Amino acid sequence: SESHLLEAPQFAIERCSEIVLGIVSAVLADLLFSPRSIKQDIDRAVDQLLVAQYRLMQMCISNADKEDIDRAWSNLVKSTTALDGMRN
């Protein structure tokens, strides 16, 4: 019974070490095997989406023309779909 109590902290430390090693391995694999150009494209697309969402919100608040809002919304949906396609 006492030996099980002594093994518990060691098991927890070993398990935490495995988790940390797994996370570090995943980060290193991402850095080594993902092309930088794709990451830059995704970062750029995300930035553009945020700006487009902000502009759409401004248009809604300022009572812009419905057709302009619909066009901006449609473009935002297309951009989001394209970004989702990059993920797969």
N, C-alpha and C. Protein backbone atom coordinates (compact mmCIF):
# COMPACT_ATOMS: atom_id res chain seq x y z
N SER A 1 0.83 -1.19 0.00
CA SER A 1 0.00 0.00 0.00
C SER A 1 0.87 1.26 0.00
N GLU A 2 1.92 1.21 0.86
CA GLU A 2 2.80 2.38 0.93
C GLU A 2 3.60 2.56 -0.35
N SER A 3 3.94 1.47 -1.00
CA SER A 3 4.72 1.56 -2.23
C SER A 3 3.90 2.22 -3.34
N HIS A 4 2.58 2.02 -3.34
CA HIS A 4 1.72 2.66 -4.34
C HIS A 4 1.69 4.17 -4.13
N LEU A 5 1.74 4.60 -2.87
CA LEU A 5 1.75 6.04 -2.58
C LEU A 5 3.05 6.68 -3.05
N LEU A 6 4.14 5.94 -2.96
CA LEU A 6 5.42 6.48 -3.40
C LEU A 6 5.54 6.50 -4.92
N GLU A 7 4.84 5.58 -5.59
CA GLU A 7 4.90 5.51 -7.04
C GLU A 7 4.03 6.58 -7.72
N ALA A 8 3.02 7.08 -7.03
CA ALA A 8 2.09 8.04 -7.63
C ALA A 8 2.79 9.33 -8.08
N PRO A 9 3.62 9.97 -7.24
CA PRO A 9 4.29 11.19 -7.71
C PRO A 9 5.24 10.91 -8.88
N GLN A 10 5.92 9.78 -8.85
CA GLN A 10 6.83 9.43 -9.94
C GLN A 10 6.04 9.23 -11.23
N PHE A 11 4.90 8.56 -11.15
CA PHE A 11 4.06 8.34 -12.33
C PHE A 11 3.57 9.68 -12.88
N ALA A 12 3.17 10.59 -11.99
CA ALA A 12 2.68 11.91 -12.42
C ALA A 12 3.79 12.69 -13.12
N ILE A 13 5.00 12.63 -12.59
CA ILE A 13 6.13 13.33 -13.20
C ILE A 13 6.44 12.73 -14.56
N GLU A 14 6.42 11.40 -14.66
CA GLU A 14 6.69 10.76 -15.95
C GLU A 14 5.62 11.13 -16.97
N ARG A 15 4.36 11.14 -16.56
CA ARG A 15 3.26 11.48 -17.47
C ARG A 15 3.37 12.93 -17.94
N CYS A 16 3.67 13.84 -17.01
CA CYS A 16 3.83 15.25 -17.39
C CYS A 16 5.01 15.42 -18.35
N SER A 17 6.07 14.68 -18.12
CA SER A 17 7.22 14.75 -19.02
C SER A 17 6.85 14.27 -20.41
N GLU A 18 6.05 13.21 -20.50
CA GLU A 18 5.59 12.72 -21.80
C GLU A 18 4.75 13.76 -22.52
N ILE A 19 3.88 14.43 -21.78
CA ILE A 19 3.02 15.46 -22.38
C ILE A 19 3.85 16.62 -22.88
N VAL A 20 4.80 17.08 -22.08
CA VAL A 20 5.66 18.20 -22.49
C VAL A 20 6.48 17.80 -23.71
N LEU A 21 7.02 16.60 -23.71
CA LEU A 21 7.80 16.12 -24.85
C LEU A 21 6.93 16.06 -26.11
N GLY A 22 5.68 15.63 -25.97
CA GLY A 22 4.76 15.59 -27.10
C GLY A 22 4.47 16.97 -27.66
N ILE A 23 4.26 17.94 -26.78
CA ILE A 23 3.99 19.32 -27.21
C ILE A 23 5.21 19.89 -27.91
N VAL A 24 6.38 19.70 -27.34
CA VAL A 24 7.62 20.21 -27.96
C VAL A 24 7.83 19.56 -29.32
N SER A 25 7.57 18.27 -29.41
CA SER A 25 7.72 17.56 -30.70
C SER A 25 6.76 18.11 -31.74
N ALA A 26 5.53 18.38 -31.34
CA ALA A 26 4.53 18.93 -32.27
C ALA A 26 4.95 20.31 -32.77
N VAL A 27 5.45 21.14 -31.87
CA VAL A 27 5.89 22.49 -32.26
C VAL A 27 7.09 22.40 -33.21
N LEU A 28 8.05 21.55 -32.88
CA LEU A 28 9.22 21.41 -33.75
C LEU A 28 8.83 20.86 -35.12
N ALA A 29 7.93 19.88 -35.15
CA ALA A 29 7.49 19.33 -36.43
C ALA A 29 6.79 20.40 -37.26
N ASP A 30 5.99 21.23 -36.60
CA ASP A 30 5.31 22.31 -37.30
C ASP A 30 6.31 23.30 -37.88
N LEU A 31 7.33 23.62 -37.11
CA LEU A 31 8.35 24.56 -37.59
C LEU A 31 9.18 23.98 -38.72
N LEU A 32 9.48 22.69 -38.64
CA LEU A 32 10.34 22.07 -39.64
C LEU A 32 9.63 21.72 -40.94
N PHE A 33 8.38 21.26 -40.83
CA PHE A 33 7.73 20.69 -42.00
C PHE A 33 6.66 21.56 -42.64
N SER A 34 6.26 22.66 -42.01
CA SER A 34 5.27 23.55 -42.62
C SER A 34 6.00 24.65 -43.36
N PRO A 35 5.71 24.79 -44.65
CA PRO A 35 6.38 25.86 -45.41
C PRO A 35 6.01 27.23 -44.87
N ARG A 36 6.99 28.09 -44.83
CA ARG A 36 6.78 29.44 -44.31
C ARG A 36 5.80 30.23 -45.17
N SER A 37 5.83 30.01 -46.48
CA SER A 37 4.96 30.78 -47.36
C SER A 37 3.49 30.53 -47.04
N ILE A 38 3.15 29.30 -46.70
CA ILE A 38 1.76 28.99 -46.36
C ILE A 38 1.37 29.68 -45.06
N LYS A 39 2.26 29.65 -44.09
CA LYS A 39 1.97 30.31 -42.82
C LYS A 39 1.77 31.81 -43.02
N GLN A 40 2.62 32.41 -43.85
CA GLN A 40 2.48 33.85 -44.10
C GLN A 40 1.17 34.14 -44.82
N ASP A 41 0.79 33.29 -45.76
CA ASP A 41 -0.48 33.47 -46.46
C ASP A 41 -1.66 33.37 -45.50
N ILE A 42 -1.60 32.40 -44.61
CA ILE A 42 -2.69 32.23 -43.64
C ILE A 42 -2.74 33.42 -42.69
N ASP A 43 -1.59 33.87 -42.20
CA ASP A 43 -1.56 35.04 -41.32
C ASP A 43 -2.13 36.26 -42.03
N ARG A 44 -1.75 36.44 -43.28
CA ARG A 44 -2.24 37.58 -44.06
C ARG A 44 -3.75 37.48 -44.26
N ALA A 45 -4.25 36.28 -44.56
CA ALA A 45 -5.69 36.09 -44.77
C ALA A 45 -6.47 36.35 -43.49
N VAL A 46 -5.94 35.91 -42.36
CA VAL A 46 -6.61 36.16 -41.08
C VAL A 46 -6.65 37.65 -40.78
N ASP A 47 -5.55 38.35 -41.01
CA ASP A 47 -5.52 39.80 -40.80
C ASP A 47 -6.55 40.50 -41.69
N GLN A 48 -6.62 40.08 -42.95
CA GLN A 48 -7.58 40.69 -43.88
C GLN A 48 -9.02 40.41 -43.46
N LEU A 49 -9.26 39.21 -42.93
CA LEU A 49 -10.61 38.88 -42.45
C LEU A 49 -11.01 39.77 -41.28
N LEU A 50 -10.08 39.99 -40.37
CA LEU A 50 -10.39 40.85 -39.22
C LEU A 50 -10.73 42.26 -39.67
N VAL A 51 -9.95 42.78 -40.61
CA VAL A 51 -10.21 44.13 -41.13
C VAL A 51 -11.56 44.17 -41.85
N ALA A 52 -11.84 43.14 -42.64
CA ALA A 52 -13.10 43.09 -43.38
C ALA A 52 -14.29 43.01 -42.42
N GLN A 53 -14.15 42.25 -41.34
CA GLN A 53 -15.23 42.17 -40.36
C GLN A 53 -15.45 43.52 -39.69
N TYR A 54 -14.37 44.21 -39.38
CA TYR A 54 -14.47 45.53 -38.76
C TYR A 54 -15.16 46.51 -39.71
N ARG A 55 -14.77 46.48 -40.98
CA ARG A 55 -15.39 47.37 -41.97
C ARG A 55 -16.87 47.06 -42.15
N LEU A 56 -17.22 45.78 -42.15
CA LEU A 56 -18.62 45.40 -42.27
C LEU A 56 -19.41 45.92 -41.07
N MET A 57 -18.83 45.81 -39.88
CA MET A 57 -19.49 46.32 -38.69
C MET A 57 -19.68 47.84 -38.80
N GLN A 58 -18.66 48.54 -39.28
CA GLN A 58 -18.78 49.99 -39.47
C GLN A 58 -19.89 50.33 -40.45
N MET A 59 -19.97 49.56 -41.53
CA MET A 59 -21.01 49.80 -42.53
C MET A 59 -22.40 49.61 -41.92
N CYS A 60 -22.55 48.60 -41.10
CA CYS A 60 -23.86 48.35 -40.47
C CYS A 60 -24.23 49.46 -39.51
N ILE A 61 -23.26 49.94 -38.76
CA ILE A 61 -23.53 51.00 -37.78
C ILE A 61 -23.84 52.32 -38.48
N SER A 62 -23.17 52.59 -39.59
CA SER A 62 -23.34 53.88 -40.27
C SER A 62 -24.50 53.86 -41.27
N ASN A 63 -25.32 52.81 -41.24
CA ASN A 63 -26.48 52.70 -42.13
C ASN A 63 -26.10 52.82 -43.59
N ALA A 64 -25.10 52.07 -43.99
CA ALA A 64 -24.67 52.06 -45.39
C ALA A 64 -25.75 51.41 -46.26
N ASP A 65 -25.60 51.56 -47.55
CA ASP A 65 -26.54 50.99 -48.51
C ASP A 65 -26.60 49.47 -48.34
N LYS A 66 -27.80 48.92 -48.40
CA LYS A 66 -27.99 47.48 -48.20
C LYS A 66 -27.19 46.67 -49.21
N GLU A 67 -27.11 47.12 -50.44
CA GLU A 67 -26.36 46.38 -51.47
C GLU A 67 -24.87 46.35 -51.15
N ASP A 68 -24.35 47.45 -50.62
CA ASP A 68 -22.93 47.48 -50.23
C ASP A 68 -22.67 46.52 -49.07
N ILE A 69 -23.60 46.50 -48.11
CA ILE A 69 -23.45 45.59 -46.97
C ILE A 69 -23.52 44.14 -47.44
N ASP A 70 -24.47 43.84 -48.33
CA ASP A 70 -24.59 42.48 -48.86
C ASP A 70 -23.34 42.07 -49.62
N ARG A 71 -22.77 42.98 -50.39
CA ARG A 71 -21.56 42.69 -51.15
C ARG A 71 -20.39 42.43 -50.20
N ALA A 72 -20.26 43.28 -49.17
CA ALA A 72 -19.18 43.10 -48.19
C ALA A 72 -19.36 41.78 -47.44
N TRP A 73 -20.61 41.45 -47.10
CA TRP A 73 -20.88 40.19 -46.41
C TRP A 73 -20.51 39.00 -47.29
N SER A 74 -20.90 39.06 -48.56
CA SER A 74 -20.60 37.98 -49.50
C SER A 74 -19.09 37.79 -49.65
N ASN A 75 -18.36 38.90 -49.77
CA ASN A 75 -16.90 38.82 -49.88
C ASN A 75 -16.28 38.23 -48.62
N LEU A 76 -16.84 38.58 -47.46
CA LEU A 76 -16.34 38.05 -46.19
C LEU A 76 -16.57 36.54 -46.12
N VAL A 77 -17.72 36.08 -46.56
CA VAL A 77 -18.01 34.64 -46.57
C VAL A 77 -17.06 33.92 -47.52
N LYS A 78 -16.81 34.49 -48.70
CA LYS A 78 -15.88 33.88 -49.66
C LYS A 78 -14.48 33.79 -49.08
N SER A 79 -14.04 34.85 -48.41
CA SER A 79 -12.69 34.86 -47.82
C SER A 79 -12.58 33.83 -46.71
N THR A 80 -13.63 33.72 -45.91
CA THR A 80 -13.64 32.74 -44.82
C THR A 80 -13.60 31.32 -45.37
N THR A 81 -14.35 31.07 -46.43
CA THR A 81 -14.35 29.76 -47.07
C THR A 81 -12.97 29.44 -47.65
N ALA A 82 -12.34 30.43 -48.26
CA ALA A 82 -10.99 30.23 -48.81
C ALA A 82 -10.00 29.90 -47.70
N LEU A 83 -10.11 30.60 -46.58
CA LEU A 83 -9.21 30.34 -45.45
C LEU A 83 -9.44 28.94 -44.90
N ASP A 84 -10.69 28.53 -44.83
CA ASP A 84 -10.99 27.18 -44.36
C ASP A 84 -10.41 26.14 -45.32
N GLY A 85 -10.39 26.45 -46.60
CA GLY A 85 -9.80 25.55 -47.58
C GLY A 85 -8.30 25.41 -47.40
N MET A 86 -7.63 26.45 -46.94
CA MET A 86 -6.19 26.39 -46.68
C MET A 86 -5.88 25.44 -45.53
N ARG A 87 -6.83 25.30 -44.62
CA ARG A 87 -6.62 24.49 -43.44
C ARG A 87 -6.59 23.01 -43.77
N ASN A 88 -7.33 22.61 -44.77
CA ASN A 88 -7.45 21.19 -45.10
C ASN A 88 -6.42 20.71 -46.06
